[in-house]
Amino acid sequence: MARAKIMLSPTERQLVVDAGWILTKNAVIEKVYALFGQTSAEYGLLLDRHPKLKTDAGPRSPKISKGEQYEGLPWVMLDHPRNFSGQDAFAIRSFFWWGNFCSITLQLSGAYLRQYSENVNRYLAQYPGDWLVCTGEDAWEHHLRADRYVPATTQTVRQELPFLKIAKKIPLQEWDRLPDFFCKGFEEILVMLEGSADLHTATGRH
C-alpha cells in the first residue's frame, strides 16, 4: 500500500518546532479561567440583590468549561446562573472565543421565556444599546454573525422561536475592559429581567 505524503506548509514547519506559542496559548487560557472565576464571584454578589431572580436561577453552582474546536478555535465559557430543566432554561453565559471576541448572553426558554420575555422586550425597546437578538433557530450558536443575530434596534424579542437569546460582545483587543464589560452586562440583564420601573437609574444610565 502506497503511503500518502503528508506535507507541512512553511508556516506549519515553523510552528511545529516552536513550543513557545503553545505555552503562551495555554497561559492565556489559564488567565481567562482566572478572570471567569473572579467574574463569577462578582456575579454572585450581584444576584444576591435580586432574590426572586436568584430563586429562578436555581441552585446549581456556576460552571466554567473549555474546548478547542468552536469553528476550529479554542473557547472558554462561564455559565452563571445555569438552570436547564427539560424545556425550561434560565442561563447567563459569558464566553471567550480565541481570535474573535468575548460576549455575555441571556438565554431563556419554556416557563422562563413566558415569564420574562415581556420585561426583556420592554427594556430593549427603551435601551437597545449594543444588544443583539438571535433570529436563528439554533440556540447554541455563539458566533453572533449578522445572518443569525440582529441589533435590538431592528428586532424585538417577540418572535416565533422556542427560546429567547440576546447577547453583546467586546473585542479581545479591549482585554483590560473585560471585568467591567461582564459585570455591567450581567447587572443590566438582571435589571431587564426584573422589569424595573426606573431602568435608567437602576443601570446607572443618564
N, C-alpha and C. Protein backbone atom coordinates (compact mmCIF):
# COMPACT_ATOMS: atom_id res chain seq x y z
N MET A 1 0.84 -1.20 0.00
CA MET A 1 0.00 0.00 0.00
C MET A 1 0.88 1.25 0.00
N ALA A 2 0.65 2.12 -0.98
CA ALA A 2 1.45 3.34 -1.08
C ALA A 2 1.08 4.31 0.03
N ARG A 3 2.09 4.92 0.60
CA ARG A 3 1.87 5.89 1.66
C ARG A 3 1.57 7.26 1.06
N ALA A 4 0.53 7.90 1.60
CA ALA A 4 0.26 9.27 1.19
C ALA A 4 1.32 10.18 1.82
N LYS A 5 1.81 11.12 1.06
CA LYS A 5 2.83 12.02 1.57
C LYS A 5 2.15 13.19 2.26
N ILE A 6 2.35 13.27 3.55
CA ILE A 6 1.75 14.33 4.36
C ILE A 6 2.74 15.48 4.44
N MET A 7 2.38 16.59 3.85
CA MET A 7 3.29 17.73 3.76
C MET A 7 2.88 18.82 4.75
N LEU A 8 3.86 19.56 5.23
CA LEU A 8 3.62 20.74 6.05
C LEU A 8 3.92 21.98 5.23
N SER A 9 3.08 23.00 5.41
CA SER A 9 3.34 24.28 4.77
C SER A 9 4.53 24.94 5.46
N PRO A 10 5.14 25.94 4.84
CA PRO A 10 6.24 26.66 5.50
C PRO A 10 5.85 27.20 6.88
N THR A 11 4.63 27.73 6.99
CA THR A 11 4.18 28.24 8.29
C THR A 11 4.05 27.12 9.30
N GLU A 12 3.49 25.99 8.87
CA GLU A 12 3.34 24.85 9.77
C GLU A 12 4.69 24.29 10.20
N ARG A 13 5.66 24.27 9.30
CA ARG A 13 7.01 23.81 9.64
C ARG A 13 7.64 24.70 10.71
N GLN A 14 7.37 25.99 10.61
CA GLN A 14 7.93 26.93 11.57
C GLN A 14 7.29 26.74 12.95
N LEU A 15 5.98 26.53 12.97
CA LEU A 15 5.28 26.42 14.24
C LEU A 15 5.50 25.08 14.93
N VAL A 16 5.67 24.01 14.16
CA VAL A 16 5.74 22.68 14.76
C VAL A 16 7.00 22.50 15.61
N VAL A 17 8.00 23.33 15.38
CA VAL A 17 9.22 23.23 16.18
C VAL A 17 9.28 24.31 17.27
N ASP A 18 8.25 25.11 17.36
CA ASP A 18 8.22 26.22 18.31
C ASP A 18 7.20 25.93 19.41
N ALA A 19 7.67 25.48 20.57
CA ALA A 19 6.77 25.18 21.69
C ALA A 19 6.23 26.45 22.35
N GLY A 20 6.90 27.56 22.12
CA GLY A 20 6.56 28.78 22.83
C GLY A 20 5.14 29.25 22.59
N TRP A 21 4.66 29.15 21.35
CA TRP A 21 3.33 29.68 21.07
C TRP A 21 2.24 28.85 21.74
N ILE A 22 2.46 27.52 21.85
CA ILE A 22 1.50 26.67 22.55
C ILE A 22 1.51 27.00 24.04
N LEU A 23 2.70 27.19 24.62
CA LEU A 23 2.79 27.53 26.03
C LEU A 23 2.12 28.89 26.30
N THR A 24 2.29 29.83 25.39
CA THR A 24 1.64 31.14 25.54
C THR A 24 0.13 30.99 25.46
N LYS A 25 -0.33 30.21 24.51
CA LYS A 25 -1.77 29.97 24.38
C LYS A 25 -2.33 29.35 25.66
N ASN A 26 -1.63 28.37 26.23
CA ASN A 26 -2.09 27.75 27.47
C ASN A 26 -2.13 28.76 28.61
N ALA A 27 -1.15 29.65 28.66
CA ALA A 27 -1.12 30.68 29.70
C ALA A 27 -2.31 31.63 29.57
N VAL A 28 -2.65 31.98 28.34
CA VAL A 28 -3.80 32.85 28.12
C VAL A 28 -5.09 32.17 28.59
N ILE A 29 -5.26 30.91 28.26
CA ILE A 29 -6.47 30.18 28.67
C ILE A 29 -6.55 30.12 30.20
N GLU A 30 -5.41 29.92 30.86
CA GLU A 30 -5.41 29.90 32.32
C GLU A 30 -5.86 31.26 32.87
N LYS A 31 -5.43 32.35 32.22
CA LYS A 31 -5.83 33.68 32.68
C LYS A 31 -7.31 33.93 32.43
N VAL A 32 -7.85 33.38 31.35
CA VAL A 32 -9.29 33.50 31.12
C VAL A 32 -10.05 32.76 32.22
N TYR A 33 -9.56 31.56 32.59
CA TYR A 33 -10.18 30.82 33.69
C TYR A 33 -10.17 31.66 34.97
N ALA A 34 -9.03 32.29 35.26
CA ALA A 34 -8.93 33.12 36.46
C ALA A 34 -9.89 34.30 36.39
N LEU A 35 -9.97 34.92 35.22
CA LEU A 35 -10.89 36.04 35.03
C LEU A 35 -12.32 35.59 35.27
N PHE A 36 -12.71 34.45 34.71
CA PHE A 36 -14.07 33.97 34.87
C PHE A 36 -14.36 33.56 36.32
N GLY A 37 -13.34 33.06 37.02
CA GLY A 37 -13.53 32.74 38.43
C GLY A 37 -13.85 33.98 39.24
N GLN A 38 -13.09 35.06 39.02
CA GLN A 38 -13.35 36.33 39.70
C GLN A 38 -14.70 36.90 39.28
N THR A 39 -15.00 36.82 38.00
CA THR A 39 -16.26 37.35 37.49
C THR A 39 -17.45 36.61 38.09
N SER A 40 -17.33 35.30 38.21
CA SER A 40 -18.42 34.51 38.79
C SER A 40 -18.70 34.93 40.23
N ALA A 41 -17.64 35.22 40.99
CA ALA A 41 -17.83 35.67 42.37
C ALA A 41 -18.58 37.00 42.39
N GLU A 42 -18.24 37.90 41.48
CA GLU A 42 -18.95 39.19 41.41
C GLU A 42 -20.39 38.99 40.96
N TYR A 43 -20.61 38.06 40.03
CA TYR A 43 -21.99 37.76 39.61
C TYR A 43 -22.82 37.31 40.82
N GLY A 44 -22.22 36.49 41.67
CA GLY A 44 -22.95 36.00 42.83
C GLY A 44 -23.41 37.13 43.73
N LEU A 45 -22.54 38.12 43.94
CA LEU A 45 -22.90 39.27 44.77
C LEU A 45 -24.01 40.09 44.12
N LEU A 46 -23.95 40.26 42.79
CA LEU A 46 -24.99 41.00 42.10
C LEU A 46 -26.33 40.26 42.16
N LEU A 47 -26.28 38.94 42.01
CA LEU A 47 -27.50 38.15 42.04
C LEU A 47 -28.15 38.16 43.41
N ASP A 48 -27.34 38.31 44.47
CA ASP A 48 -27.89 38.38 45.83
C ASP A 48 -28.84 39.57 46.00
N ARG A 49 -28.68 40.59 45.17
CA ARG A 49 -29.53 41.78 45.28
C ARG A 49 -30.90 41.56 44.64
N HIS A 50 -31.09 40.43 43.99
CA HIS A 50 -32.33 40.15 43.27
C HIS A 50 -32.85 38.77 43.71
N PRO A 51 -33.45 38.68 44.90
CA PRO A 51 -33.83 37.37 45.46
C PRO A 51 -34.72 36.53 44.55
N LYS A 52 -35.70 37.16 43.90
CA LYS A 52 -36.60 36.38 43.03
C LYS A 52 -35.82 35.78 41.86
N LEU A 53 -34.97 36.58 41.25
CA LEU A 53 -34.18 36.06 40.13
C LEU A 53 -33.22 34.97 40.60
N LYS A 54 -32.68 35.14 41.80
CA LYS A 54 -31.77 34.12 42.33
C LYS A 54 -32.49 32.79 42.50
N THR A 55 -33.75 32.84 42.94
CA THR A 55 -34.53 31.60 43.08
C THR A 55 -34.74 30.95 41.71
N ASP A 56 -35.13 31.75 40.72
CA ASP A 56 -35.36 31.21 39.39
C ASP A 56 -34.07 30.69 38.75
N ALA A 57 -32.95 31.30 39.13
CA ALA A 57 -31.67 30.86 38.58
C ALA A 57 -31.32 29.44 39.01
N GLY A 58 -31.93 29.00 40.10
CA GLY A 58 -31.74 27.63 40.53
C GLY A 58 -30.50 27.43 41.40
N PRO A 59 -30.39 26.26 42.00
CA PRO A 59 -29.33 26.01 42.98
C PRO A 59 -28.01 25.52 42.39
N ARG A 60 -27.96 25.25 41.11
CA ARG A 60 -26.74 24.67 40.54
C ARG A 60 -25.58 25.67 40.60
N SER A 61 -24.42 25.16 40.92
CA SER A 61 -23.24 26.03 41.04
C SER A 61 -22.78 26.48 39.65
N PRO A 62 -22.09 27.62 39.59
CA PRO A 62 -21.56 28.09 38.30
C PRO A 62 -20.61 27.04 37.70
N LYS A 63 -20.48 27.08 36.40
CA LYS A 63 -19.61 26.12 35.71
C LYS A 63 -18.75 26.84 34.68
N ILE A 64 -17.43 26.59 34.74
CA ILE A 64 -16.51 27.08 33.72
C ILE A 64 -16.05 25.88 32.91
N SER A 65 -16.16 25.96 31.61
CA SER A 65 -15.74 24.87 30.74
C SER A 65 -14.93 25.43 29.58
N LYS A 66 -14.22 24.56 28.89
CA LYS A 66 -13.40 25.00 27.77
C LYS A 66 -13.36 23.93 26.69
N GLY A 67 -12.95 24.35 25.51
CA GLY A 67 -12.81 23.44 24.39
C GLY A 67 -11.85 24.02 23.37
N GLU A 68 -11.58 23.25 22.33
CA GLU A 68 -10.61 23.65 21.33
C GLU A 68 -11.20 23.87 19.95
N GLN A 69 -12.46 23.51 19.77
CA GLN A 69 -12.94 23.41 18.39
C GLN A 69 -14.27 24.09 18.14
N TYR A 70 -14.49 25.30 18.68
CA TYR A 70 -15.66 26.02 18.21
C TYR A 70 -15.26 26.73 16.93
N GLU A 71 -15.76 26.22 15.82
CA GLU A 71 -15.33 26.67 14.49
C GLU A 71 -13.81 26.62 14.39
N GLY A 72 -13.22 25.58 15.01
CA GLY A 72 -11.79 25.33 14.90
C GLY A 72 -10.92 26.09 15.87
N LEU A 73 -11.51 26.87 16.78
CA LEU A 73 -10.73 27.73 17.67
C LEU A 73 -11.05 27.47 19.13
N PRO A 74 -10.07 27.71 20.03
CA PRO A 74 -10.29 27.50 21.46
C PRO A 74 -11.33 28.46 22.03
N TRP A 75 -11.99 27.99 23.09
CA TRP A 75 -13.01 28.80 23.76
C TRP A 75 -13.04 28.47 25.24
N VAL A 76 -13.55 29.42 26.03
CA VAL A 76 -13.81 29.21 27.45
C VAL A 76 -15.17 29.81 27.74
N MET A 77 -15.93 29.15 28.60
CA MET A 77 -17.32 29.55 28.85
C MET A 77 -17.64 29.48 30.33
N LEU A 78 -18.29 30.52 30.84
CA LEU A 78 -18.82 30.53 32.20
C LEU A 78 -20.33 30.57 32.13
N ASP A 79 -20.98 29.59 32.73
CA ASP A 79 -22.44 29.60 32.87
C ASP A 79 -22.78 29.93 34.32
N HIS A 80 -23.31 31.12 34.54
CA HIS A 80 -23.70 31.56 35.88
C HIS A 80 -24.72 32.68 35.72
N PRO A 81 -25.99 32.35 36.04
CA PRO A 81 -26.52 31.09 36.52
C PRO A 81 -26.70 30.09 35.38
N ARG A 82 -27.02 28.86 35.75
CA ARG A 82 -27.31 27.83 34.74
C ARG A 82 -28.41 26.93 35.29
N ASN A 83 -29.58 27.09 34.77
CA ASN A 83 -30.74 26.31 35.19
C ASN A 83 -31.38 25.73 33.94
N PHE A 84 -31.04 24.50 33.63
CA PHE A 84 -31.58 23.80 32.47
C PHE A 84 -32.38 22.60 32.97
N SER A 85 -33.67 22.60 32.69
CA SER A 85 -34.54 21.51 33.14
C SER A 85 -35.57 21.23 32.07
N GLY A 86 -35.34 20.18 31.28
CA GLY A 86 -36.27 19.87 30.20
C GLY A 86 -36.33 21.00 29.19
N GLN A 87 -37.53 21.54 28.97
CA GLN A 87 -37.71 22.64 28.03
C GLN A 87 -37.47 24.01 28.65
N ASP A 88 -37.25 24.04 29.96
CA ASP A 88 -37.06 25.30 30.67
C ASP A 88 -35.57 25.62 30.82
N ALA A 89 -35.21 26.84 30.44
CA ALA A 89 -33.81 27.26 30.59
C ALA A 89 -33.74 28.69 31.07
N PHE A 90 -32.85 28.92 32.02
CA PHE A 90 -32.56 30.26 32.54
C PHE A 90 -31.05 30.30 32.70
N ALA A 91 -30.37 30.98 31.79
CA ALA A 91 -28.91 30.94 31.81
C ALA A 91 -28.32 32.27 31.35
N ILE A 92 -27.23 32.65 32.00
CA ILE A 92 -26.42 33.77 31.55
C ILE A 92 -25.03 33.21 31.27
N ARG A 93 -24.60 33.37 30.06
CA ARG A 93 -23.35 32.73 29.60
C ARG A 93 -22.33 33.80 29.22
N SER A 94 -21.14 33.68 29.79
CA SER A 94 -20.00 34.54 29.45
C SER A 94 -19.04 33.70 28.63
N PHE A 95 -18.56 34.25 27.52
CA PHE A 95 -17.89 33.43 26.50
C PHE A 95 -16.63 34.12 26.00
N PHE A 96 -15.54 33.38 25.97
CA PHE A 96 -14.28 33.83 25.36
C PHE A 96 -14.03 32.96 24.14
N TRP A 97 -13.78 33.61 23.00
CA TRP A 97 -13.55 32.86 21.76
C TRP A 97 -12.25 33.36 21.13
N TRP A 98 -11.27 32.51 21.13
CA TRP A 98 -9.93 32.86 20.65
C TRP A 98 -10.00 33.48 19.24
N GLY A 99 -9.32 34.60 19.09
CA GLY A 99 -9.24 35.24 17.78
C GLY A 99 -10.47 36.02 17.37
N ASN A 100 -11.48 36.05 18.24
CA ASN A 100 -12.74 36.71 17.88
C ASN A 100 -13.17 37.75 18.89
N PHE A 101 -13.80 37.35 19.99
CA PHE A 101 -14.37 38.31 20.93
C PHE A 101 -14.72 37.61 22.24
N CYS A 102 -15.15 38.40 23.22
CA CYS A 102 -15.85 37.90 24.40
C CYS A 102 -17.29 38.38 24.31
N SER A 103 -18.18 37.63 24.91
CA SER A 103 -19.60 38.00 24.87
C SER A 103 -20.28 37.60 26.16
N ILE A 104 -21.42 38.24 26.41
CA ILE A 104 -22.30 37.83 27.50
C ILE A 104 -23.68 37.64 26.89
N THR A 105 -24.34 36.55 27.29
CA THR A 105 -25.58 36.14 26.65
C THR A 105 -26.64 35.77 27.69
N LEU A 106 -27.85 36.19 27.44
CA LEU A 106 -29.00 35.72 28.21
C LEU A 106 -29.77 34.73 27.35
N GLN A 107 -30.09 33.57 27.92
CA GLN A 107 -30.87 32.57 27.19
C GLN A 107 -32.02 32.09 28.06
N LEU A 108 -33.23 32.17 27.51
CA LEU A 108 -34.44 31.75 28.22
C LEU A 108 -35.27 30.85 27.32
N SER A 109 -35.93 29.88 27.93
CA SER A 109 -36.91 29.09 27.19
C SER A 109 -37.94 28.54 28.16
N GLY A 110 -38.99 27.98 27.61
CA GLY A 110 -40.03 27.36 28.42
C GLY A 110 -40.70 28.34 29.36
N ALA A 111 -40.82 27.95 30.62
CA ALA A 111 -41.53 28.78 31.60
C ALA A 111 -40.84 30.12 31.80
N TYR A 112 -39.52 30.15 31.72
CA TYR A 112 -38.79 31.40 31.92
C TYR A 112 -38.96 32.35 30.74
N LEU A 113 -39.09 31.80 29.56
CA LEU A 113 -39.38 32.63 28.40
C LEU A 113 -40.73 33.30 28.56
N ARG A 114 -41.72 32.54 28.98
CA ARG A 114 -43.06 33.10 29.18
C ARG A 114 -43.06 34.14 30.31
N GLN A 115 -42.27 33.90 31.31
CA GLN A 115 -42.26 34.78 32.48
C GLN A 115 -41.55 36.10 32.23
N TYR A 116 -40.44 36.05 31.46
CA TYR A 116 -39.57 37.22 31.40
C TYR A 116 -39.47 37.90 30.04
N SER A 117 -40.00 37.32 28.99
CA SER A 117 -39.78 37.89 27.66
C SER A 117 -40.35 39.30 27.54
N GLU A 118 -41.48 39.55 28.16
CA GLU A 118 -42.09 40.88 28.05
C GLU A 118 -41.21 41.93 28.73
N ASN A 119 -40.64 41.60 29.88
CA ASN A 119 -39.74 42.54 30.55
C ASN A 119 -38.51 42.84 29.70
N VAL A 120 -37.94 41.81 29.11
CA VAL A 120 -36.76 42.00 28.26
C VAL A 120 -37.12 42.84 27.04
N ASN A 121 -38.24 42.54 26.44
CA ASN A 121 -38.68 43.28 25.27
C ASN A 121 -38.91 44.75 25.59
N ARG A 122 -39.53 45.01 26.72
CA ARG A 122 -39.81 46.39 27.13
C ARG A 122 -38.50 47.15 27.37
N TYR A 123 -37.55 46.49 28.00
CA TYR A 123 -36.26 47.12 28.27
C TYR A 123 -35.54 47.47 26.97
N LEU A 124 -35.45 46.50 26.07
CA LEU A 124 -34.71 46.73 24.82
C LEU A 124 -35.38 47.78 23.94
N ALA A 125 -36.70 47.92 24.07
CA ALA A 125 -37.38 48.97 23.31
C ALA A 125 -36.92 50.36 23.76
N GLN A 126 -36.54 50.48 25.03
CA GLN A 126 -36.09 51.76 25.56
C GLN A 126 -34.57 51.92 25.49
N TYR A 127 -33.86 50.83 25.75
CA TYR A 127 -32.40 50.89 25.84
C TYR A 127 -31.77 49.77 25.01
N PRO A 128 -31.86 49.83 23.69
CA PRO A 128 -31.31 48.74 22.87
C PRO A 128 -29.80 48.63 22.97
N GLY A 129 -29.13 49.79 23.18
CA GLY A 129 -27.68 49.77 23.30
C GLY A 129 -27.03 48.99 22.18
N ASP A 130 -26.08 48.13 22.54
CA ASP A 130 -25.42 47.30 21.54
C ASP A 130 -25.81 45.83 21.69
N TRP A 131 -27.01 45.60 22.24
CA TRP A 131 -27.51 44.23 22.36
C TRP A 131 -27.89 43.67 20.99
N LEU A 132 -27.65 42.40 20.82
CA LEU A 132 -28.04 41.67 19.61
C LEU A 132 -29.09 40.64 19.97
N VAL A 133 -30.03 40.41 19.08
CA VAL A 133 -31.10 39.43 19.29
C VAL A 133 -30.90 38.27 18.32
N CYS A 134 -30.94 37.06 18.85
CA CYS A 134 -30.80 35.87 17.99
C CYS A 134 -32.07 35.65 17.19
N THR A 135 -31.91 35.53 15.88
CA THR A 135 -33.05 35.25 15.00
C THR A 135 -32.93 33.87 14.35
N GLY A 136 -31.82 33.18 14.59
CA GLY A 136 -31.63 31.84 14.06
C GLY A 136 -32.41 30.81 14.87
N GLU A 137 -32.45 29.60 14.36
CA GLU A 137 -33.24 28.55 15.01
C GLU A 137 -32.41 27.69 15.95
N ASP A 138 -31.09 27.90 16.00
CA ASP A 138 -30.21 27.12 16.86
C ASP A 138 -29.79 27.98 18.05
N ALA A 139 -30.25 27.61 19.23
CA ALA A 139 -29.95 28.39 20.43
C ALA A 139 -28.49 28.26 20.86
N TRP A 140 -27.74 27.33 20.25
CA TRP A 140 -26.38 27.06 20.70
C TRP A 140 -25.32 27.63 19.76
N GLU A 141 -25.72 28.54 18.88
CA GLU A 141 -24.75 29.24 18.04
C GLU A 141 -24.26 30.48 18.78
N HIS A 142 -22.94 30.61 18.86
CA HIS A 142 -22.35 31.70 19.63
C HIS A 142 -21.55 32.68 18.78
N HIS A 143 -21.61 32.54 17.46
CA HIS A 143 -20.73 33.35 16.61
C HIS A 143 -21.18 34.81 16.48
N LEU A 144 -22.46 35.10 16.72
CA LEU A 144 -23.03 36.45 16.68
C LEU A 144 -22.95 37.11 15.31
N ARG A 145 -22.90 36.33 14.26
CA ARG A 145 -22.85 36.92 12.92
C ARG A 145 -24.23 37.42 12.48
N ALA A 146 -24.19 38.32 11.51
CA ALA A 146 -25.39 39.06 11.12
C ALA A 146 -26.47 38.18 10.51
N ASP A 147 -26.12 36.98 10.05
CA ASP A 147 -27.15 36.10 9.48
C ASP A 147 -27.97 35.39 10.56
N ARG A 148 -27.54 35.52 11.83
CA ARG A 148 -28.27 34.89 12.94
C ARG A 148 -28.58 35.86 14.08
N TYR A 149 -27.89 36.98 14.10
CA TYR A 149 -28.08 37.96 15.18
C TYR A 149 -28.25 39.34 14.58
N VAL A 150 -29.25 40.07 15.05
CA VAL A 150 -29.50 41.42 14.54
C VAL A 150 -29.56 42.39 15.70
N PRO A 151 -29.25 43.66 15.47
CA PRO A 151 -29.31 44.64 16.56
C PRO A 151 -30.70 44.74 17.16
N ALA A 152 -30.74 44.94 18.47
CA ALA A 152 -32.03 45.08 19.15
C ALA A 152 -32.81 46.28 18.64
N THR A 153 -32.14 47.23 18.01
CA THR A 153 -32.84 48.39 17.45
C THR A 153 -33.74 48.00 16.29
N THR A 154 -33.45 46.87 15.65
CA THR A 154 -34.25 46.47 14.49
C THR A 154 -35.07 45.21 14.74
N GLN A 155 -34.92 44.62 15.90
CA GLN A 155 -35.61 43.35 16.15
C GLN A 155 -35.99 43.26 17.62
N THR A 156 -37.28 43.07 17.89
CA THR A 156 -37.69 42.82 19.27
C THR A 156 -37.53 41.33 19.55
N VAL A 157 -37.70 40.96 20.81
CA VAL A 157 -37.57 39.54 21.16
C VAL A 157 -38.87 38.77 20.92
N ARG A 158 -39.89 39.43 20.45
CA ARG A 158 -41.12 38.73 20.10
C ARG A 158 -40.95 38.06 18.75
N GLN A 159 -40.74 36.78 18.76
CA GLN A 159 -40.51 36.06 17.52
C GLN A 159 -40.98 34.63 17.71
N GLU A 160 -41.18 33.96 16.63
CA GLU A 160 -41.71 32.60 16.69
C GLU A 160 -40.58 31.60 16.90
N LEU A 161 -39.93 31.70 18.02
CA LEU A 161 -38.86 30.77 18.39
C LEU A 161 -39.15 30.21 19.78
N PRO A 162 -38.71 29.00 20.07
CA PRO A 162 -38.96 28.42 21.38
C PRO A 162 -37.99 28.91 22.45
N PHE A 163 -37.18 29.91 22.11
CA PHE A 163 -36.23 30.44 23.08
C PHE A 163 -36.02 31.92 22.81
N LEU A 164 -35.47 32.60 23.80
CA LEU A 164 -35.04 33.98 23.68
C LEU A 164 -33.54 33.99 23.94
N LYS A 165 -32.81 34.66 23.08
CA LYS A 165 -31.37 34.77 23.28
C LYS A 165 -30.91 36.15 22.83
N ILE A 166 -30.31 36.88 23.77
CA ILE A 166 -29.73 38.17 23.44
C ILE A 166 -28.27 38.16 23.88
N ALA A 167 -27.46 38.97 23.21
CA ALA A 167 -26.03 38.97 23.53
C ALA A 167 -25.41 40.31 23.19
N LYS A 168 -24.28 40.59 23.82
CA LYS A 168 -23.45 41.70 23.40
C LYS A 168 -21.99 41.23 23.47
N LYS A 169 -21.12 41.88 22.71
CA LYS A 169 -19.74 41.42 22.63
C LYS A 169 -18.76 42.56 22.76
N ILE A 170 -17.51 42.20 23.00
CA ILE A 170 -16.42 43.15 23.12
C ILE A 170 -15.19 42.53 22.44
N PRO A 171 -14.44 43.30 21.67
CA PRO A 171 -13.26 42.74 21.00
C PRO A 171 -12.18 42.37 22.00
N LEU A 172 -11.39 41.37 21.67
CA LEU A 172 -10.34 40.91 22.56
C LEU A 172 -9.25 41.96 22.74
N GLN A 173 -9.15 42.90 21.80
CA GLN A 173 -8.17 43.98 21.94
C GLN A 173 -8.46 44.83 23.17
N GLU A 174 -9.69 44.76 23.69
CA GLU A 174 -10.07 45.54 24.85
C GLU A 174 -10.04 44.68 26.12
N TRP A 175 -9.03 43.84 26.23
CA TRP A 175 -8.89 42.90 27.35
C TRP A 175 -9.05 43.59 28.70
N ASP A 176 -8.43 44.75 28.88
CA ASP A 176 -8.45 45.42 30.18
C ASP A 176 -9.86 45.84 30.59
N ARG A 177 -10.78 45.94 29.64
CA ARG A 177 -12.15 46.33 29.94
C ARG A 177 -13.06 45.14 30.24
N LEU A 178 -12.55 43.92 30.12
CA LEU A 178 -13.41 42.75 30.25
C LEU A 178 -14.12 42.65 31.60
N PRO A 179 -13.45 42.88 32.74
CA PRO A 179 -14.18 42.77 34.01
C PRO A 179 -15.40 43.70 34.07
N ASP A 180 -15.22 44.95 33.66
CA ASP A 180 -16.35 45.89 33.66
C ASP A 180 -17.41 45.47 32.65
N PHE A 181 -16.99 45.02 31.48
CA PHE A 181 -17.93 44.59 30.44
C PHE A 181 -18.83 43.49 30.97
N PHE A 182 -18.24 42.46 31.57
CA PHE A 182 -19.04 41.33 32.03
C PHE A 182 -19.96 41.73 33.18
N CYS A 183 -19.44 42.46 34.17
CA CYS A 183 -20.26 42.78 35.34
C CYS A 183 -21.37 43.77 35.00
N LYS A 184 -21.07 44.76 34.16
CA LYS A 184 -22.11 45.70 33.77
C LYS A 184 -23.16 45.01 32.90
N GLY A 185 -22.72 44.12 32.02
CA GLY A 185 -23.68 43.38 31.21
C GLY A 185 -24.56 42.49 32.05
N PHE A 186 -23.96 41.83 33.05
CA PHE A 186 -24.71 40.95 33.94
C PHE A 186 -25.75 41.74 34.73
N GLU A 187 -25.32 42.87 35.28
CA GLU A 187 -26.25 43.69 36.05
C GLU A 187 -27.38 44.22 35.18
N GLU A 188 -27.06 44.58 33.94
CA GLU A 188 -28.10 45.07 33.04
C GLU A 188 -29.11 43.97 32.74
N ILE A 189 -28.64 42.75 32.57
CA ILE A 189 -29.55 41.63 32.33
C ILE A 189 -30.48 41.44 33.52
N LEU A 190 -29.94 41.51 34.73
CA LEU A 190 -30.78 41.35 35.91
C LEU A 190 -31.85 42.42 35.98
N VAL A 191 -31.47 43.65 35.66
CA VAL A 191 -32.43 44.76 35.69
C VAL A 191 -33.52 44.56 34.65
N MET A 192 -33.15 44.15 33.45
CA MET A 192 -34.18 43.97 32.41
C MET A 192 -35.11 42.81 32.76
N LEU A 193 -34.58 41.76 33.36
CA LEU A 193 -35.43 40.64 33.76
C LEU A 193 -36.41 41.05 34.84
N GLU A 194 -35.94 41.84 35.77
CA GLU A 194 -36.78 42.25 36.89
C GLU A 194 -37.86 43.23 36.47
N GLY A 195 -37.65 43.93 35.33
CA GLY A 195 -38.66 44.86 34.86
C GLY A 195 -38.75 46.10 35.71
N SER A 196 -37.58 46.64 36.09
CA SER A 196 -37.54 47.82 36.93
C SER A 196 -38.31 48.97 36.28
N ALA A 197 -39.07 49.71 37.09
CA ALA A 197 -39.83 50.85 36.56
C ALA A 197 -38.92 52.02 36.22
N ASP A 198 -37.75 52.06 36.86
CA ASP A 198 -36.82 53.17 36.62
C ASP A 198 -35.51 52.60 36.10
N LEU A 199 -35.54 52.19 34.85
CA LEU A 199 -34.44 51.43 34.30
C LEU A 199 -33.15 52.23 34.21
N HIS A 200 -33.23 53.50 33.85
CA HIS A 200 -32.00 54.25 33.67
C HIS A 200 -31.31 54.48 35.02
N THR A 201 -32.08 54.60 36.09
CA THR A 201 -31.47 54.75 37.41
C THR A 201 -30.86 53.44 37.86
N ALA A 202 -31.57 52.33 37.62
CA ALA A 202 -31.11 51.03 38.07
C ALA A 202 -29.80 50.62 37.42
N THR A 203 -29.55 51.07 36.19
CA THR A 203 -28.34 50.67 35.49
C THR A 203 -27.30 51.77 35.45
N GLY A 204 -27.57 52.88 36.15
CA GLY A 204 -26.61 53.97 36.15
C GLY A 204 -26.63 54.79 34.89
N ARG A 205 -27.73 54.72 34.13
CA ARG A 205 -27.85 55.48 32.88
C ARG A 205 -28.34 56.88 33.17
N HIS A 206 -27.99 57.84 32.32
CA HIS A 206 -28.44 59.22 32.47
C HIS A 206 -28.90 59.74 31.12
